[in-house]
Amino acid sequence: MSNANSRTVPPRRLWWLGAGFVVWCSALCALYAVHAIGCAFAWSGGGLRTTLFGVLVLHLLVVGWMWRNFARSGPDPLFSPTGAFLHVAIFWVTIAAFVSTVLVLAPPLLLTPCL
């Protein structure tokens, strides 16, 4: 049952559901690219590890910013209950993207950079 004053959620808001994992994918690509370039050009192990750490932290900051953005803002009361559900779903998917970024992309930084 919808309220007579409520509106449907605009489809452009749906992209936020995947935004956190788009940043995760960007981090994965960037880390592999920097790692390959560093190994190909024989960067020092410490310099390569520092650069990889910086790339990872940059991506974590972006996902963290998105997470904070949704934590601070509540669902828009103009939208139907679907809007409230979408807000909660986006919030938790963004948390999942943050945790996934840490769990999947941080441990390889502890390994030997180039063999």
PDB file of N, CA and C in Angstrom:
ATOM      1  N   MET A   1       0.835  -1.167   0.000  1.00  0.00           N
ATOM      2  CA  MET A   1       0.000   0.000   0.000  1.00  0.00           C
ATOM      3  C   MET A   1       0.881   1.231   0.000  1.00  0.00           C
ATOM      4  N   SER A   2       0.644   2.086  -0.915  1.00  0.00           N
ATOM      5  CA  SER A   2       1.473   3.281  -0.998  1.00  0.00           C
ATOM      6  C   SER A   2       0.664   4.507  -0.589  1.00  0.00           C
ATOM      7  N   ASN A   3       1.365   5.434  -0.059  1.00  0.00           N
ATOM      8  CA  ASN A   3       0.784   6.690   0.355  1.00  0.00           C
ATOM      9  C   ASN A   3       0.493   7.517  -0.894  1.00  0.00           C
ATOM     10  N   ALA A   4      -0.566   8.288  -0.868  1.00  0.00           N
ATOM     11  CA  ALA A   4      -0.926   9.105  -2.031  1.00  0.00           C
ATOM     12  C   ALA A   4       0.135  10.158  -2.311  1.00  0.00           C
ATOM     13  N   ASN A   5       0.902  10.564  -1.280  1.00  0.00           N
ATOM     14  CA  ASN A   5       1.915  11.589  -1.448  1.00  0.00           C
ATOM     15  C   ASN A   5       3.290  11.010  -1.799  1.00  0.00           C
ATOM     16  N   SER A   6       3.440   9.697  -1.765  1.00  0.00           N
ATOM     17  CA  SER A   6       4.762   9.114  -2.021  1.00  0.00           C
ATOM     18  C   SER A   6       5.002   8.955  -3.516  1.00  0.00           C
ATOM     19  N   ARG A   7       6.264   9.040  -3.860  1.00  0.00           N
ATOM     20  CA  ARG A   7       6.670   8.881  -5.254  1.00  0.00           C
ATOM     21  C   ARG A   7       7.486   7.598  -5.375  1.00  0.00           C
ATOM     22  N   THR A   8       7.620   7.117  -6.588  1.00  0.00           N
ATOM     23  CA  THR A   8       8.462   5.948  -6.790  1.00  0.00           C
ATOM     24  C   THR A   8       9.922   6.390  -6.837  1.00  0.00           C
ATOM     25  N   VAL A   9      10.798   5.471  -6.532  1.00  0.00           N
ATOM     26  CA  VAL A   9      12.234   5.758  -6.522  1.00  0.00           C
ATOM     27  C   VAL A   9      12.714   5.885  -7.967  1.00  0.00           C
ATOM     28  N   PRO A  10      13.446   6.943  -8.296  1.00  0.00           N
ATOM     29  CA  PRO A  10      13.941   7.076  -9.668  1.00  0.00           C
ATOM     30  C   PRO A  10      14.980   6.001  -9.975  1.00  0.00           C
ATOM     31  N   PRO A  11      14.957   5.462 -11.173  1.00  0.00           N
ATOM     32  CA  PRO A  11      15.897   4.391 -11.537  1.00  0.00           C
ATOM     33  C   PRO A  11      17.366   4.800 -11.429  1.00  0.00           C
ATOM     34  N   ARG A  12      17.669   6.079 -11.537  1.00  0.00           N
ATOM     35  CA  ARG A  12      19.073   6.512 -11.459  1.00  0.00           C
ATOM     36  C   ARG A  12      19.678   6.249 -10.088  1.00  0.00           C
ATOM     37  N   ARG A  13      18.844   6.043  -9.066  1.00  0.00           N
ATOM     38  CA  ARG A  13      19.363   5.730  -7.732  1.00  0.00           C
ATOM     39  C   ARG A  13      19.832   4.285  -7.620  1.00  0.00           C
ATOM     40  N   LEU A  14      19.430   3.438  -8.523  1.00  0.00           N
ATOM     41  CA  LEU A  14      19.813   2.030  -8.451  1.00  0.00           C
ATOM     42  C   LEU A  14      21.301   1.815  -8.669  1.00  0.00           C
ATOM     43  N   TRP A  15      21.965   2.716  -9.353  1.00  0.00           N
ATOM     44  CA  TRP A  15      23.393   2.520  -9.613  1.00  0.00           C
ATOM     45  C   TRP A  15      24.194   2.520  -8.324  1.00  0.00           C
ATOM     46  N   TRP A  16      23.655   3.141  -7.267  1.00  0.00           N
ATOM     47  CA  TRP A  16      24.353   3.141  -5.981  1.00  0.00           C
ATOM     48  C   TRP A  16      24.488   1.739  -5.405  1.00  0.00           C
ATOM     49  N   LEU A  17      23.611   0.823  -5.807  1.00  0.00           N
ATOM     50  CA  LEU A  17      23.722  -0.554  -5.317  1.00  0.00           C
ATOM     51  C   LEU A  17      25.053  -1.186  -5.734  1.00  0.00           C
ATOM     52  N   GLY A  18      25.541  -0.841  -6.892  1.00  0.00           N
ATOM     53  CA  GLY A  18      26.789  -1.427  -7.368  1.00  0.00           C
ATOM     54  C   GLY A  18      27.999  -0.537  -7.239  1.00  0.00           C
ATOM     55  N   ALA A  19      27.819   0.682  -6.767  1.00  0.00           N
ATOM     56  CA  ALA A  19      28.917   1.651  -6.750  1.00  0.00           C
ATOM     57  C   ALA A  19      30.094   1.198  -5.882  1.00  0.00           C
ATOM     58  N   GLY A  20      29.821   0.622  -4.738  1.00  0.00           N
ATOM     59  CA  GLY A  20      30.906   0.162  -3.868  1.00  0.00           C
ATOM     60  C   GLY A  20      31.747  -0.918  -4.521  1.00  0.00           C
ATOM     61  N   PHE A  21      31.086  -1.836  -5.212  1.00  0.00           N
ATOM     62  CA  PHE A  21      31.832  -2.905  -5.870  1.00  0.00           C
ATOM     63  C   PHE A  21      32.482  -2.443  -7.172  1.00  0.00           C
ATOM     64  N   VAL A  22      31.994  -1.356  -7.741  1.00  0.00           N
ATOM     65  CA  VAL A  22      32.704  -0.748  -8.875  1.00  0.00           C
ATOM     66  C   VAL A  22      34.040  -0.198  -8.386  1.00  0.00           C
ATOM     67  N   VAL A  23      34.033   0.429  -7.210  1.00  0.00           N
ATOM     68  CA  VAL A  23      35.283   0.923  -6.622  1.00  0.00           C
ATOM     69  C   VAL A  23      36.188  -0.255  -6.262  1.00  0.00           C
ATOM     70  N   TRP A  24      35.618  -1.346  -5.753  1.00  0.00           N
ATOM     71  CA  TRP A  24      36.396  -2.556  -5.460  1.00  0.00           C
ATOM     72  C   TRP A  24      37.079  -3.067  -6.726  1.00  0.00           C
ATOM     73  N   CYS A  25      36.331  -3.112  -7.811  1.00  0.00           N
ATOM     74  CA  CYS A  25      36.880  -3.565  -9.093  1.00  0.00           C
ATOM     75  C   CYS A  25      37.973  -2.626  -9.575  1.00  0.00           C
ATOM     76  N   SER A  26      37.769  -1.343  -9.394  1.00  0.00           N
ATOM     77  CA  SER A  26      38.787  -0.365  -9.756  1.00  0.00           C
ATOM     78  C   SER A  26      40.056  -0.585  -8.934  1.00  0.00           C
ATOM     79  N   ALA A  27      39.889  -0.871  -7.645  1.00  0.00           N
ATOM     80  CA  ALA A  27      41.049  -1.137  -6.783  1.00  0.00           C
ATOM     81  C   ALA A  27      41.791  -2.377  -7.245  1.00  0.00           C
ATOM     82  N   LEU A  28      41.051  -3.421  -7.580  1.00  0.00           N
ATOM     83  CA  LEU A  28      41.675  -4.656  -8.058  1.00  0.00           C
ATOM     84  C   LEU A  28      42.496  -4.395  -9.320  1.00  0.00           C
ATOM     85  N   CYS A  29      41.905  -3.708 -10.279  1.00  0.00           N
ATOM     86  CA  CYS A  29      42.608  -3.407 -11.537  1.00  0.00           C
ATOM     87  C   CYS A  29      43.823  -2.515 -11.297  1.00  0.00           C
ATOM     88  N   ALA A  30      43.650  -1.494 -10.467  1.00  0.00           N
ATOM     89  CA  ALA A  30      44.752  -0.563 -10.213  1.00  0.00           C
ATOM     90  C   ALA A  30      45.890  -1.257  -9.480  1.00  0.00           C
ATOM     91  N   LEU A  31      45.581  -2.091  -8.495  1.00  0.00           N
ATOM     92  CA  LEU A  31      46.636  -2.790  -7.760  1.00  0.00           C
ATOM     93  C   LEU A  31      47.400  -3.747  -8.659  1.00  0.00           C
ATOM     94  N   TYR A  32      46.693  -4.494  -9.490  1.00  0.00           N
ATOM     95  CA  TYR A  32      47.382  -5.398 -10.404  1.00  0.00           C
ATOM     96  C   TYR A  32      48.217  -4.640 -11.421  1.00  0.00           C
ATOM     97  N   ALA A  33      47.706  -3.513 -11.902  1.00  0.00           N
ATOM     98  CA  ALA A  33      48.456  -2.726 -12.880  1.00  0.00           C
ATOM     99  C   ALA A  33      49.717  -2.136 -12.262  1.00  0.00           C
ATOM    100  N   VAL A  34      49.590  -1.546 -11.075  1.00  0.00           N
ATOM    101  CA  VAL A  34      50.756  -0.961 -10.406  1.00  0.00           C
ATOM    102  C   VAL A  34      51.767  -2.056 -10.064  1.00  0.00           C
ATOM    103  N   HIS A  35      51.273  -3.210  -9.631  1.00  0.00           N
ATOM    104  CA  HIS A  35      52.169  -4.323  -9.313  1.00  0.00           C
ATOM    105  C   HIS A  35      52.936  -4.775 -10.557  1.00  0.00           C
ATOM    106  N   ALA A  36      52.241  -4.926 -11.664  1.00  0.00           N
ATOM    107  CA  ALA A  36      52.896  -5.355 -12.905  1.00  0.00           C
ATOM    108  C   ALA A  36      53.911  -4.325 -13.389  1.00  0.00           C
ATOM    109  N   ILE A  37      53.544  -3.058 -13.314  1.00  0.00           N
ATOM    110  CA  ILE A  37      54.467  -2.003 -13.749  1.00  0.00           C
ATOM    111  C   ILE A  37      55.682  -1.958 -12.829  1.00  0.00           C
ATOM    112  N   GLY A  38      55.443  -2.047 -11.525  1.00  0.00           N
ATOM    113  CA  GLY A  38      56.552  -2.016 -10.575  1.00  0.00           C
ATOM    114  C   GLY A  38      57.507  -3.174 -10.760  1.00  0.00           C
ATOM    115  N   CYS A  39      56.977  -4.352 -11.013  1.00  0.00           N
ATOM    116  CA  CYS A  39      57.847  -5.515 -11.228  1.00  0.00           C
ATOM    117  C   CYS A  39      58.569  -5.421 -12.566  1.00  0.00           C
ATOM    118  N   ALA A  40      57.885  -4.950 -13.588  1.00  0.00           N
ATOM    119  CA  ALA A  40      58.502  -4.844 -14.906  1.00  0.00           C
ATOM    120  C   ALA A  40      59.646  -3.836 -14.919  1.00  0.00           C
ATOM    121  N   PHE A  41      59.512  -2.775 -14.147  1.00  0.00           N
ATOM    122  CA  PHE A  41      60.549  -1.750 -14.122  1.00  0.00           C
ATOM    123  C   PHE A  41      61.462  -1.854 -12.904  1.00  0.00           C
ATOM    124  N   ALA A  42      61.382  -2.986 -12.204  1.00  0.00           N
ATOM    125  CA  ALA A  42      62.283  -3.309 -11.087  1.00  0.00           C
ATOM    126  C   ALA A  42      62.298  -2.223 -10.012  1.00  0.00           C
ATOM    127  N   TRP A  43      61.094  -1.796  -9.585  1.00  0.00           N
ATOM    128  CA  TRP A  43      61.018  -0.865  -8.466  1.00  0.00           C
ATOM    129  C   TRP A  43      61.517  -1.579  -7.214  1.00  0.00           C
ATOM    130  N   SER A  44      61.984  -0.832  -6.260  1.00  0.00           N
ATOM    131  CA  SER A  44      62.410  -1.448  -5.003  1.00  0.00           C
ATOM    132  C   SER A  44      61.181  -2.034  -4.297  1.00  0.00           C
ATOM    133  N   GLY A  45      61.403  -3.067  -3.512  1.00  0.00           N
ATOM    134  CA  GLY A  45      60.290  -3.724  -2.817  1.00  0.00           C
ATOM    135  C   GLY A  45      59.531  -2.791  -1.905  1.00  0.00           C
ATOM    136  N   GLY A  46      60.264  -1.958  -1.171  1.00  0.00           N
ATOM    137  CA  GLY A  46      59.616  -1.013  -0.266  1.00  0.00           C
ATOM    138  C   GLY A  46      58.818   0.044  -1.001  1.00  0.00           C
ATOM    139  N   GLY A  47      59.372   0.551  -2.091  1.00  0.00           N
ATOM    140  CA  GLY A  47      58.667   1.569  -2.875  1.00  0.00           C
ATOM    141  C   GLY A  47      57.415   1.013  -3.529  1.00  0.00           C
ATOM    142  N   LEU A  48      57.516  -0.204  -4.040  1.00  0.00           N
ATOM    143  CA  LEU A  48      56.354  -0.833  -4.668  1.00  0.00           C
ATOM    144  C   LEU A  48      55.272  -1.113  -3.624  1.00  0.00           C
ATOM    145  N   ARG A  49      55.675  -1.630  -2.485  1.00  0.00           N
ATOM    146  CA  ARG A  49      54.707  -1.932  -1.430  1.00  0.00           C
ATOM    147  C   ARG A  49      54.028  -0.651  -0.936  1.00  0.00           C
ATOM    148  N   THR A  50      54.792   0.421  -0.807  1.00  0.00           N
ATOM    149  CA  THR A  50      54.223   1.702  -0.367  1.00  0.00           C
ATOM    150  C   THR A  50      53.224   2.236  -1.388  1.00  0.00           C
ATOM    151  N   THR A  51      53.555   2.127  -2.659  1.00  0.00           N
ATOM    152  CA  THR A  51      52.645   2.583  -3.710  1.00  0.00           C
ATOM    153  C   THR A  51      51.375   1.749  -3.728  1.00  0.00           C
ATOM    154  N   LEU A  52      51.515   0.443  -3.600  1.00  0.00           N
ATOM    155  CA  LEU A  52      50.344  -0.433  -3.565  1.00  0.00           C
ATOM    156  C   LEU A  52      49.461  -0.122  -2.354  1.00  0.00           C
ATOM    157  N   PHE A  53      50.096   0.121  -1.223  1.00  0.00           N
ATOM    158  CA  PHE A  53      49.353   0.479  -0.020  1.00  0.00           C
ATOM    159  C   PHE A  53      48.602   1.794  -0.227  1.00  0.00           C
ATOM    160  N   GLY A  54      49.242   2.765  -0.866  1.00  0.00           N
ATOM    161  CA  GLY A  54      48.587   4.045  -1.141  1.00  0.00           C
ATOM    162  C   GLY A  54      47.388   3.895  -2.055  1.00  0.00           C
ATOM    163  N   VAL A  55      47.512   3.055  -3.082  1.00  0.00           N
ATOM    164  CA  VAL A  55      46.391   2.816  -3.998  1.00  0.00           C
ATOM    165  C   VAL A  55      45.234   2.162  -3.246  1.00  0.00           C
ATOM    166  N   LEU A  56      45.548   1.191  -2.390  1.00  0.00           N
ATOM    167  CA  LEU A  56      44.507   0.516  -1.614  1.00  0.00           C
ATOM    168  C   LEU A  56      43.817   1.490  -0.658  1.00  0.00           C
ATOM    169  N   VAL A  57      44.583   2.293   0.047  1.00  0.00           N
ATOM    170  CA  VAL A  57      44.002   3.255   0.989  1.00  0.00           C
ATOM    171  C   VAL A  57      43.135   4.269   0.257  1.00  0.00           C
ATOM    172  N   LEU A  58      43.565   4.720  -0.897  1.00  0.00           N
ATOM    173  CA  LEU A  58      42.761   5.662  -1.680  1.00  0.00           C
ATOM    174  C   LEU A  58      41.394   5.070  -2.010  1.00  0.00           C
ATOM    175  N   HIS A  59      41.372   3.824  -2.444  1.00  0.00           N
ATOM    176  CA  HIS A  59      40.101   3.180  -2.774  1.00  0.00           C
ATOM    177  C   HIS A  59      39.254   2.941  -1.518  1.00  0.00           C
ATOM    178  N   LEU A  60      39.898   2.593  -0.418  1.00  0.00           N
ATOM    179  CA  LEU A  60      39.155   2.424   0.828  1.00  0.00           C
ATOM    180  C   LEU A  60      38.539   3.740   1.292  1.00  0.00           C
ATOM    181  N   LEU A  61      39.242   4.834   1.070  1.00  0.00           N
ATOM    182  CA  LEU A  61      38.687   6.145   1.421  1.00  0.00           C
ATOM    183  C   LEU A  61      37.438   6.462   0.601  1.00  0.00           C
ATOM    184  N   VAL A  62      37.458   6.100  -0.670  1.00  0.00           N
ATOM    185  CA  VAL A  62      36.290   6.354  -1.523  1.00  0.00           C
ATOM    186  C   VAL A  62      35.096   5.531  -1.046  1.00  0.00           C
ATOM    187  N   VAL A  63      35.310   4.238  -0.794  1.00  0.00           N
ATOM    188  CA  VAL A  63      34.209   3.400  -0.312  1.00  0.00           C
ATOM    189  C   VAL A  63      33.767   3.873   1.074  1.00  0.00           C
ATOM    190  N   GLY A  64      34.708   4.247   1.923  1.00  0.00           N
ATOM    191  CA  GLY A  64      34.361   4.768   3.243  1.00  0.00           C
ATOM    192  C   GLY A  64      33.551   6.048   3.161  1.00  0.00           C
ATOM    193  N   TRP A  65      33.887   6.900   2.212  1.00  0.00           N
ATOM    194  CA  TRP A  65      33.120   8.136   2.020  1.00  0.00           C
ATOM    195  C   TRP A  65      31.684   7.806   1.615  1.00  0.00           C
ATOM    196  N   MET A  66      31.529   6.835   0.701  1.00  0.00           N
ATOM    197  CA  MET A  66      30.175   6.448   0.288  1.00  0.00           C
ATOM    198  C   MET A  66      29.399   5.860   1.474  1.00  0.00           C
ATOM    199  N   TRP A  67      30.071   5.057   2.255  1.00  0.00           N
ATOM    200  CA  TRP A  67      29.456   4.441   3.437  1.00  0.00           C
ATOM    201  C   TRP A  67      28.990   5.520   4.410  1.00  0.00           C
ATOM    202  N   ARG A  68      29.865   6.480   4.702  1.00  0.00           N
ATOM    203  CA  ARG A  68      29.523   7.576   5.615  1.00  0.00           C
ATOM    204  C   ARG A  68      28.371   8.408   5.060  1.00  0.00           C
ATOM    205  N   ASN A  69      28.377   8.621   3.763  1.00  0.00           N
ATOM    206  CA  ASN A  69      27.323   9.400   3.115  1.00  0.00           C
ATOM    207  C   ASN A  69      25.957   8.760   3.345  1.00  0.00           C
ATOM    208  N   PHE A  70      25.888   7.443   3.205  1.00  0.00           N
ATOM    209  CA  PHE A  70      24.609   6.771   3.411  1.00  0.00           C
ATOM    210  C   PHE A  70      24.280   6.599   4.886  1.00  0.00           C
ATOM    211  N   ALA A  71      25.281   6.524   5.740  1.00  0.00           N
ATOM    212  CA  ALA A  71      25.018   6.405   7.174  1.00  0.00           C
ATOM    213  C   ALA A  71      24.430   7.703   7.719  1.00  0.00           C
ATOM    214  N   ARG A  72      24.899   8.823   7.230  1.00  0.00           N
ATOM    215  CA  ARG A  72      24.423  10.130   7.718  1.00  0.00           C
ATOM    216  C   ARG A  72      23.052  10.490   7.185  1.00  0.00           C
ATOM    217  N   SER A  73      22.808  10.145   5.948  1.00  0.00           N
ATOM    218  CA  SER A  73      21.522  10.521   5.354  1.00  0.00           C
ATOM    219  C   SER A  73      20.510   9.405   5.585  1.00  0.00           C
ATOM    220  N   GLY A  74      19.326   9.784   5.863  1.00  0.00           N
ATOM    221  CA  GLY A  74      18.256   8.802   6.016  1.00  0.00           C
ATOM    222  C   GLY A  74      17.523   8.643   4.699  1.00  0.00           C
ATOM    223  N   PRO A  75      16.638   7.691   4.643  1.00  0.00           N
ATOM    224  CA  PRO A  75      15.851   7.538   3.417  1.00  0.00           C
ATOM    225  C   PRO A  75      14.970   8.767   3.194  1.00  0.00           C
ATOM    226  N   ASP A  76      14.815   9.112   1.951  1.00  0.00           N
ATOM    227  CA  ASP A  76      14.004  10.279   1.601  1.00  0.00           C
ATOM    228  C   ASP A  76      12.537   9.970   1.884  1.00  0.00           C
ATOM    229  N   PRO A  77      11.879  10.773   2.719  1.00  0.00           N
ATOM    230  CA  PRO A  77      10.480  10.485   3.070  1.00  0.00           C
ATOM    231  C   PRO A  77       9.515  10.662   1.901  1.00  0.00           C
ATOM    232  N   LEU A  78       9.959  11.302   0.821  1.00  0.00           N
ATOM    233  CA  LEU A  78       9.070  11.488  -0.325  1.00  0.00           C
ATOM    234  C   LEU A  78       8.856  10.195  -1.113  1.00  0.00           C
ATOM    235  N   PHE A  79       9.768   9.244  -0.930  1.00  0.00           N
ATOM    236  CA  PHE A  79       9.668   8.001  -1.689  1.00  0.00           C
ATOM    237  C   PHE A  79       8.889   6.957  -0.908  1.00  0.00           C
ATOM    238  N   SER A  80       8.390   6.014  -1.625  1.00  0.00           N
ATOM    239  CA  SER A  80       7.602   4.943  -1.020  1.00  0.00           C
ATOM    240  C   SER A  80       8.474   4.061  -0.125  1.00  0.00           C
ATOM    241  N   PRO A  81       7.912   3.064   0.539  1.00  0.00           N
ATOM    242  CA  PRO A  81       8.715   2.159   1.361  1.00  0.00           C
ATOM    243  C   PRO A  81       9.842   1.482   0.567  1.00  0.00           C
ATOM    244  N   THR A  82       9.692   1.407  -0.715  1.00  0.00           N
ATOM    245  CA  THR A  82      10.758   0.859  -1.549  1.00  0.00           C
ATOM    246  C   THR A  82      12.004   1.722  -1.447  1.00  0.00           C
ATOM    247  N   GLY A  83      11.831   3.019  -1.324  1.00  0.00           N
ATOM    248  CA  GLY A  83      12.958   3.927  -1.167  1.00  0.00           C
ATOM    249  C   GLY A  83      13.701   3.686   0.130  1.00  0.00           C
ATOM    250  N   ALA A  84      12.968   3.417   1.208  1.00  0.00           N
ATOM    251  CA  ALA A  84      13.606   3.114   2.497  1.00  0.00           C
ATOM    252  C   ALA A  84      14.376   1.804   2.407  1.00  0.00           C
ATOM    253  N   PHE A  85      13.773   0.805   1.768  1.00  0.00           N
ATOM    254  CA  PHE A  85      14.455  -0.473   1.598  1.00  0.00           C
ATOM    255  C   PHE A  85      15.710  -0.303   0.756  1.00  0.00           C
ATOM    256  N   LEU A  86      15.603   0.468  -0.325  1.00  0.00           N
ATOM    257  CA  LEU A  86      16.760   0.690  -1.192  1.00  0.00           C
ATOM    258  C   LEU A  86      17.882   1.398  -0.434  1.00  0.00           C
ATOM    259  N   HIS A  87      17.536   2.342   0.411  1.00  0.00           N
ATOM    260  CA  HIS A  87      18.549   3.042   1.203  1.00  0.00           C
ATOM    261  C   HIS A  87      19.294   2.072   2.120  1.00  0.00           C
ATOM    262  N   VAL A  88      18.563   1.217   2.805  1.00  0.00           N
ATOM    263  CA  VAL A  88      19.187   0.230   3.701  1.00  0.00           C
ATOM    264  C   VAL A  88      20.029  -0.760   2.898  1.00  0.00           C
ATOM    265  N   ALA A  89      19.511  -1.193   1.754  1.00  0.00           N
ATOM    266  CA  ALA A  89      20.263  -2.136   0.920  1.00  0.00           C
ATOM    267  C   ALA A  89      21.559  -1.515   0.425  1.00  0.00           C
ATOM    268  N   ILE A  90      21.516  -0.275  -0.015  1.00  0.00           N
ATOM    269  CA  ILE A  90      22.726   0.410  -0.484  1.00  0.00           C
ATOM    270  C   ILE A  90      23.724   0.544   0.659  1.00  0.00           C
ATOM    271  N   PHE A  91      23.246   0.876   1.844  1.00  0.00           N
ATOM    272  CA  PHE A  91      24.115   1.011   3.010  1.00  0.00           C
ATOM    273  C   PHE A  91      24.859  -0.300   3.279  1.00  0.00           C
ATOM    274  N   TRP A  92      24.153  -1.414   3.321  1.00  0.00           N
ATOM    275  CA  TRP A  92      24.785  -2.693   3.642  1.00  0.00           C
ATOM    276  C   TRP A  92      25.640  -3.233   2.499  1.00  0.00           C
ATOM    277  N   VAL A  93      25.267  -2.961   1.267  1.00  0.00           N
ATOM    278  CA  VAL A  93      26.105  -3.381   0.143  1.00  0.00           C
ATOM    279  C   VAL A  93      27.416  -2.597   0.140  1.00  0.00           C
ATOM    280  N   THR A  94      27.355  -1.340   0.528  1.00  0.00           N
ATOM    281  CA  THR A  94      28.575  -0.536   0.622  1.00  0.00           C
ATOM    282  C   THR A  94      29.479  -1.054   1.736  1.00  0.00           C
ATOM    283  N   ILE A  95      28.906  -1.467   2.857  1.00  0.00           N
ATOM    284  CA  ILE A  95      29.701  -2.081   3.916  1.00  0.00           C
ATOM    285  C   ILE A  95      30.346  -3.368   3.406  1.00  0.00           C
ATOM    286  N   ALA A  96      29.588  -4.166   2.679  1.00  0.00           N
ATOM    287  CA  ALA A  96      30.131  -5.404   2.121  1.00  0.00           C
ATOM    288  C   ALA A  96      31.280  -5.115   1.163  1.00  0.00           C
ATOM    289  N   ALA A  97      31.170  -4.054   0.376  1.00  0.00           N
ATOM    290  CA  ALA A  97      32.247  -3.689  -0.547  1.00  0.00           C
ATOM    291  C   ALA A  97      33.496  -3.265   0.224  1.00  0.00           C
ATOM    292  N   PHE A  98      33.320  -2.524   1.310  1.00  0.00           N
ATOM    293  CA  PHE A  98      34.462  -2.092   2.122  1.00  0.00           C
ATOM    294  C   PHE A  98      35.169  -3.303   2.735  1.00  0.00           C
ATOM    295  N   VAL A  99      34.395  -4.176   3.351  1.00  0.00           N
ATOM    296  CA  VAL A  99      34.970  -5.363   3.988  1.00  0.00           C
ATOM    297  C   VAL A  99      35.630  -6.261   2.945  1.00  0.00           C
ATOM    298  N   SER A 100      34.986  -6.417   1.814  1.00  0.00           N
ATOM    299  CA  SER A 100      35.555  -7.233   0.744  1.00  0.00           C
ATOM    300  C   SER A 100      36.867  -6.651   0.240  1.00  0.00           C
ATOM    301  N   THR A 101      36.944  -5.355   0.139  1.00  0.00           N
ATOM    302  CA  THR A 101      38.177  -4.712  -0.297  1.00  0.00           C
ATOM    303  C   THR A 101      39.305  -4.993   0.678  1.00  0.00           C
ATOM    304  N   VAL A 102      39.016  -4.898   1.948  1.00  0.00           N
ATOM    305  CA  VAL A 102      40.042  -5.152   2.961  1.00  0.00           C
ATOM    306  C   VAL A 102      40.449  -6.623   2.959  1.00  0.00           C
ATOM    307  N   LEU A 103      39.475  -7.526   2.971  1.00  0.00           N
ATOM    308  CA  LEU A 103      39.777  -8.951   3.086  1.00  0.00           C
ATOM    309  C   LEU A 103      40.452  -9.539   1.846  1.00  0.00           C
ATOM    310  N   VAL A 104      40.109  -9.026   0.682  1.00  0.00           N
ATOM    311  CA  VAL A 104      40.642  -9.605  -0.556  1.00  0.00           C
ATOM    312  C   VAL A 104      41.909  -8.902  -1.027  1.00  0.00           C
ATOM    313  N   LEU A 105      41.978  -7.601  -0.898  1.00  0.00           N
ATOM    314  CA  LEU A 105      43.076  -6.862  -1.509  1.00  0.00           C
ATOM    315  C   LEU A 105      44.203  -6.486  -0.554  1.00  0.00           C
ATOM    316  N   ALA A 106      43.968  -6.495   0.744  1.00  0.00           N
ATOM    317  CA  ALA A 106      45.032  -6.135   1.682  1.00  0.00           C
ATOM    318  C   ALA A 106      46.036  -7.262   1.934  1.00  0.00           C
ATOM    319  N   PRO A 107      45.633  -8.515   2.120  1.00  0.00           N
ATOM    320  CA  PRO A 107      46.614  -9.569   2.421  1.00  0.00           C
ATOM    321  C   PRO A 107      47.728  -9.749   1.379  1.00  0.00           C
ATOM    322  N   PRO A 108      47.460  -9.612   0.080  1.00  0.00           N
ATOM    323  CA  PRO A 108      48.576  -9.756  -0.872  1.00  0.00           C
ATOM    324  C   PRO A 108      49.690  -8.725  -0.676  1.00  0.00           C
ATOM    325  N   LEU A 109      49.401  -7.610   0.003  1.00  0.00           N
ATOM    326  CA  LEU A 109      50.447  -6.620   0.245  1.00  0.00           C
ATOM    327  C   LEU A 109      51.515  -7.145   1.205  1.00  0.00           C
ATOM    328  N   LEU A 110      51.195  -8.198   1.929  1.00  0.00           N
ATOM    329  CA  LEU A 110      52.141  -8.778   2.875  1.00  0.00           C
ATOM    330  C   LEU A 110      53.108  -9.776   2.207  1.00  0.00           C
ATOM    331  N   LEU A 111      52.798 -10.147   0.978  1.00  0.00           N
ATOM    332  CA  LEU A 111      53.632 -11.118   0.266  1.00  0.00           C
ATOM    333  C   LEU A 111      54.833 -10.433  -0.389  1.00  0.00           C
ATOM    334  N   THR A 112      55.769 -11.225  -0.851  1.00  0.00           N
ATOM    335  CA  THR A 112      56.914 -10.700  -1.599  1.00  0.00           C
ATOM    336  C   THR A 112      56.402 -10.054  -2.891  1.00  0.00           C
ATOM    337  N   PRO A 113      56.746  -8.785  -3.135  1.00  0.00           N
ATOM    338  CA  PRO A 113      56.182  -8.079  -4.291  1.00  0.00           C
ATOM    339  C   PRO A 113      56.500  -8.728  -5.633  1.00  0.00           C
ATOM    340  N   CYS A 114      57.727  -9.026  -5.900  1.00  0.00           N
ATOM    341  CA  CYS A 114      58.118  -9.583  -7.197  1.00  0.00           C
ATOM    342  C   CYS A 114      59.012 -10.787  -6.980  1.00  0.00           C
ATOM    343  N   LEU A 115      58.820 -11.807  -7.774  1.00  0.00           N
ATOM    344  CA  LEU A 115      59.677 -12.982  -7.674  1.00  0.00           C
ATOM    345  C   LEU A 115      60.638 -13.034  -8.832  1.00  0.00           C
TER     346      LEU A 115
END
